[in-house]
Amino acid sequence: MNAAVQEIAGAQRVVRDAGLAEVHRPHVWFTDEGYQAAAESYARGGCPDGWEPRDEVIGRFDAAVVRHAATAAEHHRTLVIGTHGLAPTVWMASRYRLATDPARFWADLRFPDIVEIDLREQTVTCLTH
């Protein structure tokens, strides 16, 4: 993911932060349908065996966003985060109104979608598909 984000960023420096990593889960072979079902269950509030607890994902992701938002504000810049889809979906759903349920929001994401969070309205909008 870091190489793709750096390519998109061009000359801008990309900072890697483990707090923005995808949900930690066991390395097991899923069928596409099996992974989809497990990830959708996770997005809706479940936690398959061995997957990182949702409250830990939300906490680490939130801490990273707060750190980087403070730096961006200090430098009068817009914060742009490049990451995978499940961790930010769970985090966004814990903080903001999604247009659909979290599992549907996650399932509809495509690479490289751009998601905008409107802090005034407390809403999340997917700008591309």
N, C-alpha and C. Protein backbone atom coordinates (compact mmCIF):
# COMPACT_ATOMS: atom_id res chain seq x y z
N MET A 1 0.83 -1.18 0.00
CA MET A 1 0.00 0.00 0.00
C MET A 1 0.87 1.25 0.00
N ASN A 2 1.98 1.23 0.73
CA ASN A 2 2.82 2.43 0.85
C ASN A 2 3.33 2.90 -0.52
N ALA A 3 3.74 1.96 -1.39
CA ALA A 3 4.24 2.35 -2.71
C ALA A 3 3.15 3.02 -3.54
N ALA A 4 1.94 2.49 -3.49
CA ALA A 4 0.84 3.08 -4.24
C ALA A 4 0.52 4.48 -3.72
N VAL A 5 0.50 4.64 -2.41
CA VAL A 5 0.22 5.95 -1.82
C VAL A 5 1.32 6.94 -2.20
N GLN A 6 2.57 6.50 -2.17
CA GLN A 6 3.67 7.39 -2.54
C GLN A 6 3.57 7.80 -4.00
N GLU A 7 3.18 6.87 -4.86
CA GLU A 7 3.01 7.21 -6.28
C GLU A 7 1.91 8.26 -6.46
N ILE A 8 0.82 8.11 -5.76
CA ILE A 8 -0.28 9.07 -5.84
C ILE A 8 0.16 10.42 -5.28
N ALA A 9 0.95 10.40 -4.20
CA ALA A 9 1.38 11.63 -3.54
C ALA A 9 2.42 12.41 -4.33
N GLY A 10 3.10 11.75 -5.24
CA GLY A 10 4.13 12.43 -6.02
C GLY A 10 5.29 12.85 -5.14
N ALA A 11 5.61 14.14 -5.16
CA ALA A 11 6.76 14.64 -4.40
C ALA A 11 6.46 14.83 -2.92
N GLN A 12 5.19 14.80 -2.53
CA GLN A 12 4.84 14.96 -1.11
C GLN A 12 5.37 13.77 -0.32
N ARG A 13 5.86 14.04 0.87
CA ARG A 13 6.39 12.99 1.74
C ARG A 13 5.23 12.19 2.34
N VAL A 14 5.34 10.87 2.26
CA VAL A 14 4.34 9.99 2.84
C VAL A 14 4.91 9.41 4.13
N VAL A 15 4.15 9.54 5.22
CA VAL A 15 4.56 9.02 6.52
C VAL A 15 3.84 7.71 6.76
N ARG A 16 4.58 6.68 7.08
CA ARG A 16 3.98 5.38 7.38
C ARG A 16 3.69 5.31 8.88
N ASP A 17 2.50 4.85 9.24
CA ASP A 17 2.11 4.78 10.64
C ASP A 17 1.38 3.47 10.88
N ALA A 18 1.89 2.64 11.77
CA ALA A 18 1.28 1.35 12.08
C ALA A 18 -0.13 1.50 12.64
N GLY A 19 -0.44 2.65 13.19
CA GLY A 19 -1.78 2.88 13.72
C GLY A 19 -2.85 2.90 12.64
N LEU A 20 -2.43 3.12 11.40
CA LEU A 20 -3.37 3.17 10.28
C LEU A 20 -3.39 1.86 9.49
N ALA A 21 -2.77 0.83 10.03
CA ALA A 21 -2.72 -0.46 9.35
C ALA A 21 -4.09 -1.12 9.30
N GLU A 22 -4.20 -2.08 8.41
CA GLU A 22 -5.44 -2.85 8.29
C GLU A 22 -5.66 -3.68 9.55
N VAL A 23 -6.86 -4.18 9.71
CA VAL A 23 -7.21 -5.05 10.85
C VAL A 23 -6.25 -6.24 10.86
N HIS A 24 -5.66 -6.52 12.01
CA HIS A 24 -4.77 -7.67 12.14
C HIS A 24 -5.64 -8.92 12.27
N ARG A 25 -5.30 -9.93 11.49
CA ARG A 25 -6.06 -11.18 11.50
C ARG A 25 -5.13 -12.33 11.15
N PRO A 26 -5.52 -13.55 11.47
CA PRO A 26 -4.65 -14.69 11.16
C PRO A 26 -4.45 -14.84 9.65
N HIS A 27 -3.31 -15.36 9.29
CA HIS A 27 -3.02 -15.64 7.88
C HIS A 27 -3.58 -17.02 7.56
N VAL A 28 -4.83 -17.04 7.18
CA VAL A 28 -5.47 -18.29 6.78
C VAL A 28 -6.02 -18.10 5.37
N TRP A 29 -6.16 -19.19 4.67
CA TRP A 29 -6.69 -19.13 3.31
C TRP A 29 -8.20 -19.14 3.36
N PHE A 30 -8.78 -18.08 2.88
CA PHE A 30 -10.23 -17.98 2.75
C PHE A 30 -10.56 -18.10 1.27
N THR A 31 -11.71 -18.61 0.96
CA THR A 31 -12.24 -18.40 -0.38
C THR A 31 -12.63 -16.93 -0.44
N ASP A 32 -12.81 -16.40 -1.62
CA ASP A 32 -13.25 -15.00 -1.72
C ASP A 32 -14.53 -14.79 -0.93
N GLU A 33 -15.46 -15.76 -1.03
CA GLU A 33 -16.73 -15.64 -0.31
C GLU A 33 -16.51 -15.75 1.19
N GLY A 34 -15.59 -16.61 1.62
CA GLY A 34 -15.31 -16.78 3.04
C GLY A 34 -14.74 -15.52 3.66
N TYR A 35 -13.79 -14.90 2.96
CA TYR A 35 -13.22 -13.66 3.48
C TYR A 35 -14.29 -12.56 3.49
N GLN A 36 -15.05 -12.46 2.42
CA GLN A 36 -16.09 -11.44 2.33
C GLN A 36 -17.06 -11.57 3.51
N ALA A 37 -17.49 -12.79 3.79
CA ALA A 37 -18.43 -13.02 4.89
C ALA A 37 -17.81 -12.66 6.23
N ALA A 38 -16.54 -13.06 6.46
CA ALA A 38 -15.87 -12.76 7.72
C ALA A 38 -15.68 -11.25 7.89
N ALA A 39 -15.26 -10.57 6.83
CA ALA A 39 -15.03 -9.13 6.89
C ALA A 39 -16.35 -8.37 7.09
N GLU A 40 -17.41 -8.79 6.42
CA GLU A 40 -18.70 -8.13 6.61
C GLU A 40 -19.21 -8.34 8.03
N SER A 41 -19.01 -9.53 8.57
CA SER A 41 -19.40 -9.79 9.96
C SER A 41 -18.62 -8.86 10.90
N TYR A 42 -17.33 -8.72 10.65
CA TYR A 42 -16.49 -7.85 11.45
C TYR A 42 -16.98 -6.40 11.37
N ALA A 43 -17.27 -5.94 10.17
CA ALA A 43 -17.74 -4.56 9.98
C ALA A 43 -19.05 -4.32 10.71
N ARG A 44 -19.87 -5.35 10.83
CA ARG A 44 -21.17 -5.21 11.51
C ARG A 44 -21.06 -5.35 13.02
N GLY A 45 -19.88 -5.72 13.53
CA GLY A 45 -19.74 -5.80 14.98
C GLY A 45 -19.24 -7.13 15.49
N GLY A 46 -19.14 -8.13 14.62
CA GLY A 46 -18.62 -9.43 15.03
C GLY A 46 -17.10 -9.40 15.11
N CYS A 47 -16.52 -10.46 15.59
CA CYS A 47 -15.06 -10.57 15.64
C CYS A 47 -14.68 -12.02 15.45
N PRO A 48 -14.37 -12.42 14.21
CA PRO A 48 -13.97 -13.80 13.96
C PRO A 48 -12.76 -14.18 14.81
N ASP A 49 -12.63 -15.47 15.10
CA ASP A 49 -11.53 -15.97 15.93
C ASP A 49 -10.18 -15.47 15.43
N GLY A 50 -9.41 -14.90 16.34
CA GLY A 50 -8.06 -14.46 16.03
C GLY A 50 -7.95 -13.07 15.43
N TRP A 51 -9.06 -12.45 15.12
CA TRP A 51 -9.01 -11.10 14.54
C TRP A 51 -8.82 -10.08 15.65
N GLU A 52 -8.15 -8.98 15.34
CA GLU A 52 -7.92 -7.89 16.28
C GLU A 52 -9.26 -7.37 16.78
N PRO A 53 -9.42 -7.24 18.09
CA PRO A 53 -10.68 -6.71 18.62
C PRO A 53 -10.99 -5.33 18.03
N ARG A 54 -12.25 -5.12 17.73
CA ARG A 54 -12.68 -3.88 17.09
C ARG A 54 -12.34 -2.64 17.91
N ASP A 55 -12.48 -2.71 19.23
CA ASP A 55 -12.17 -1.53 20.05
C ASP A 55 -10.69 -1.18 19.97
N GLU A 56 -9.82 -2.18 19.79
CA GLU A 56 -8.39 -1.90 19.61
C GLU A 56 -8.12 -1.24 18.27
N VAL A 57 -8.79 -1.71 17.22
CA VAL A 57 -8.65 -1.09 15.90
C VAL A 57 -9.09 0.37 15.97
N ILE A 58 -10.25 0.59 16.54
CA ILE A 58 -10.79 1.95 16.64
C ILE A 58 -9.84 2.84 17.45
N GLY A 59 -9.32 2.34 18.55
CA GLY A 59 -8.42 3.12 19.39
C GLY A 59 -7.12 3.48 18.70
N ARG A 60 -6.48 2.50 18.07
CA ARG A 60 -5.19 2.79 17.42
C ARG A 60 -5.37 3.67 16.20
N PHE A 61 -6.45 3.43 15.45
CA PHE A 61 -6.70 4.24 14.26
C PHE A 61 -7.01 5.68 14.66
N ASP A 62 -7.84 5.84 15.68
CA ASP A 62 -8.19 7.17 16.16
C ASP A 62 -6.96 7.93 16.65
N ALA A 63 -6.11 7.25 17.41
CA ALA A 63 -4.89 7.91 17.91
C ALA A 63 -4.00 8.38 16.76
N ALA A 64 -3.89 7.56 15.72
CA ALA A 64 -3.08 7.95 14.57
C ALA A 64 -3.69 9.13 13.83
N VAL A 65 -5.00 9.11 13.65
CA VAL A 65 -5.67 10.23 12.98
C VAL A 65 -5.48 11.51 13.78
N VAL A 66 -5.65 11.45 15.08
CA VAL A 66 -5.48 12.64 15.93
C VAL A 66 -4.06 13.18 15.81
N ARG A 67 -3.05 12.29 15.86
CA ARG A 67 -1.65 12.73 15.73
C ARG A 67 -1.41 13.45 14.41
N HIS A 68 -1.85 12.81 13.32
CA HIS A 68 -1.59 13.37 12.00
C HIS A 68 -2.45 14.60 11.71
N ALA A 69 -3.65 14.64 12.24
CA ALA A 69 -4.50 15.82 12.07
C ALA A 69 -3.88 17.03 12.76
N ALA A 70 -3.29 16.82 13.93
CA ALA A 70 -2.64 17.92 14.64
C ALA A 70 -1.45 18.46 13.84
N THR A 71 -0.68 17.56 13.27
CA THR A 71 0.47 17.98 12.45
C THR A 71 -0.01 18.72 11.21
N ALA A 72 -1.03 18.19 10.55
CA ALA A 72 -1.56 18.85 9.35
C ALA A 72 -2.08 20.25 9.69
N ALA A 73 -2.82 20.36 10.78
CA ALA A 73 -3.36 21.66 11.19
C ALA A 73 -2.23 22.65 11.50
N GLU A 74 -1.21 22.16 12.17
CA GLU A 74 -0.07 23.01 12.52
C GLU A 74 0.59 23.60 11.27
N HIS A 75 0.59 22.82 10.18
CA HIS A 75 1.22 23.27 8.93
C HIS A 75 0.20 23.79 7.91
N HIS A 76 -1.05 23.99 8.35
CA HIS A 76 -2.12 24.50 7.49
C HIS A 76 -2.29 23.66 6.23
N ARG A 77 -2.33 22.33 6.44
CA ARG A 77 -2.48 21.39 5.33
C ARG A 77 -3.71 20.52 5.54
N THR A 78 -4.16 19.94 4.47
CA THR A 78 -5.27 18.98 4.53
C THR A 78 -4.69 17.62 4.85
N LEU A 79 -5.34 16.90 5.75
CA LEU A 79 -4.90 15.55 6.09
C LEU A 79 -5.45 14.57 5.07
N VAL A 80 -4.57 13.79 4.46
CA VAL A 80 -4.95 12.74 3.52
C VAL A 80 -4.35 11.44 4.06
N ILE A 81 -5.20 10.42 4.20
CA ILE A 81 -4.75 9.13 4.71
C ILE A 81 -4.96 8.08 3.64
N GLY A 82 -3.94 7.30 3.37
CA GLY A 82 -4.05 6.18 2.44
C GLY A 82 -3.94 4.89 3.24
N THR A 83 -4.94 4.03 3.13
CA THR A 83 -4.94 2.81 3.92
C THR A 83 -5.85 1.77 3.26
N HIS A 84 -5.94 0.63 3.87
CA HIS A 84 -6.86 -0.41 3.40
C HIS A 84 -8.27 -0.03 3.82
N GLY A 85 -9.25 -0.91 3.60
CA GLY A 85 -10.64 -0.52 3.79
C GLY A 85 -11.33 -0.89 5.08
N LEU A 86 -10.99 -2.03 5.69
CA LEU A 86 -11.78 -2.49 6.82
C LEU A 86 -11.51 -1.68 8.09
N ALA A 87 -10.26 -1.44 8.42
CA ALA A 87 -9.94 -0.67 9.63
C ALA A 87 -10.55 0.74 9.58
N PRO A 88 -10.38 1.49 8.48
CA PRO A 88 -11.00 2.81 8.47
C PRO A 88 -12.53 2.77 8.45
N THR A 89 -13.10 1.73 7.86
CA THR A 89 -14.56 1.61 7.87
C THR A 89 -15.07 1.45 9.29
N VAL A 90 -14.43 0.57 10.06
CA VAL A 90 -14.83 0.35 11.45
C VAL A 90 -14.63 1.63 12.26
N TRP A 91 -13.51 2.31 12.04
CA TRP A 91 -13.24 3.57 12.74
C TRP A 91 -14.28 4.64 12.37
N MET A 92 -14.51 4.82 11.06
CA MET A 92 -15.47 5.84 10.63
C MET A 92 -16.87 5.55 11.19
N ALA A 93 -17.27 4.29 11.15
CA ALA A 93 -18.61 3.92 11.65
C ALA A 93 -18.74 4.20 13.15
N SER A 94 -17.63 4.18 13.87
CA SER A 94 -17.67 4.45 15.31
C SER A 94 -17.78 5.95 15.60
N ARG A 95 -17.50 6.79 14.60
CA ARG A 95 -17.44 8.23 14.83
C ARG A 95 -18.44 9.05 14.01
N TYR A 96 -18.80 8.55 12.83
CA TYR A 96 -19.57 9.34 11.87
C TYR A 96 -20.74 8.54 11.31
N ARG A 97 -21.65 9.24 10.63
CA ARG A 97 -22.77 8.58 9.95
C ARG A 97 -22.31 8.12 8.57
N LEU A 98 -22.43 6.84 8.31
CA LEU A 98 -22.16 6.31 6.98
C LEU A 98 -23.48 6.28 6.21
N ALA A 99 -23.41 6.38 4.90
CA ALA A 99 -24.62 6.38 4.08
C ALA A 99 -25.32 5.01 4.10
N THR A 100 -24.56 3.96 4.35
CA THR A 100 -25.11 2.61 4.42
C THR A 100 -24.58 1.94 5.69
N ASP A 101 -24.97 0.70 5.93
CA ASP A 101 -24.41 0.01 7.08
C ASP A 101 -22.92 -0.23 6.82
N PRO A 102 -22.10 -0.37 7.86
CA PRO A 102 -20.65 -0.49 7.69
C PRO A 102 -20.22 -1.63 6.77
N ALA A 103 -20.90 -2.76 6.82
CA ALA A 103 -20.53 -3.89 5.96
C ALA A 103 -20.75 -3.55 4.49
N ARG A 104 -21.85 -2.90 4.18
CA ARG A 104 -22.13 -2.50 2.78
C ARG A 104 -21.14 -1.43 2.34
N PHE A 105 -20.84 -0.45 3.22
CA PHE A 105 -19.87 0.60 2.91
C PHE A 105 -18.54 -0.04 2.54
N TRP A 106 -18.06 -0.98 3.39
CA TRP A 106 -16.78 -1.66 3.13
C TRP A 106 -16.83 -2.44 1.82
N ALA A 107 -17.89 -3.21 1.61
CA ALA A 107 -18.00 -4.05 0.42
C ALA A 107 -18.02 -3.22 -0.86
N ASP A 108 -18.52 -1.99 -0.78
CA ASP A 108 -18.61 -1.13 -1.96
C ASP A 108 -17.31 -0.39 -2.27
N LEU A 109 -16.35 -0.39 -1.36
CA LEU A 109 -15.09 0.32 -1.61
C LEU A 109 -14.32 -0.32 -2.75
N ARG A 110 -13.67 0.50 -3.55
CA ARG A 110 -12.80 0.06 -4.64
C ARG A 110 -11.48 0.80 -4.54
N PHE A 111 -10.41 0.22 -5.06
CA PHE A 111 -9.11 0.88 -5.04
C PHE A 111 -8.97 1.69 -6.32
N PRO A 112 -8.58 2.91 -6.27
CA PRO A 112 -8.31 3.76 -5.12
C PRO A 112 -9.46 4.74 -4.87
N ASP A 113 -10.42 4.35 -4.09
CA ASP A 113 -11.52 5.25 -3.76
C ASP A 113 -11.02 6.38 -2.85
N ILE A 114 -11.71 7.48 -2.95
CA ILE A 114 -11.44 8.63 -2.09
C ILE A 114 -12.67 8.82 -1.22
N VAL A 115 -12.45 8.86 0.07
CA VAL A 115 -13.53 9.03 1.04
C VAL A 115 -13.30 10.35 1.76
N GLU A 116 -14.34 11.17 1.82
CA GLU A 116 -14.24 12.47 2.47
C GLU A 116 -15.09 12.47 3.74
N ILE A 117 -14.50 12.97 4.82
CA ILE A 117 -15.22 13.12 6.08
C ILE A 117 -15.51 14.60 6.27
N ASP A 118 -16.79 14.94 6.38
CA ASP A 118 -17.21 16.31 6.63
C ASP A 118 -17.34 16.47 8.14
N LEU A 119 -16.39 17.17 8.75
CA LEU A 119 -16.36 17.30 10.20
C LEU A 119 -17.52 18.14 10.73
N ARG A 120 -18.01 19.08 9.95
CA ARG A 120 -19.14 19.89 10.40
C ARG A 120 -20.43 19.08 10.44
N GLU A 121 -20.67 18.34 9.37
CA GLU A 121 -21.91 17.56 9.26
C GLU A 121 -21.79 16.16 9.87
N GLN A 122 -20.56 15.76 10.20
CA GLN A 122 -20.31 14.43 10.78
C GLN A 122 -20.75 13.31 9.83
N THR A 123 -20.47 13.50 8.53
CA THR A 123 -20.84 12.51 7.53
C THR A 123 -19.63 12.04 6.75
N VAL A 124 -19.78 10.88 6.14
CA VAL A 124 -18.73 10.27 5.32
C VAL A 124 -19.30 10.05 3.92
N THR A 125 -18.56 10.46 2.91
CA THR A 125 -19.00 10.30 1.53
C THR A 125 -17.89 9.66 0.72
N CYS A 126 -18.23 8.64 -0.03
CA CYS A 126 -17.28 8.04 -0.96
C CYS A 126 -17.37 8.83 -2.27
N LEU A 127 -16.28 9.48 -2.66
CA LEU A 127 -16.30 10.37 -3.82
C LEU A 127 -16.08 9.64 -5.13
N THR A 128 -15.51 8.47 -5.11
CA THR A 128 -15.23 7.73 -6.35
C THR A 128 -15.59 6.27 -6.20
N HIS A 129 -15.92 5.66 -7.29
CA HIS A 129 -16.10 4.20 -7.38
C HIS A 129 -15.69 3.77 -8.74
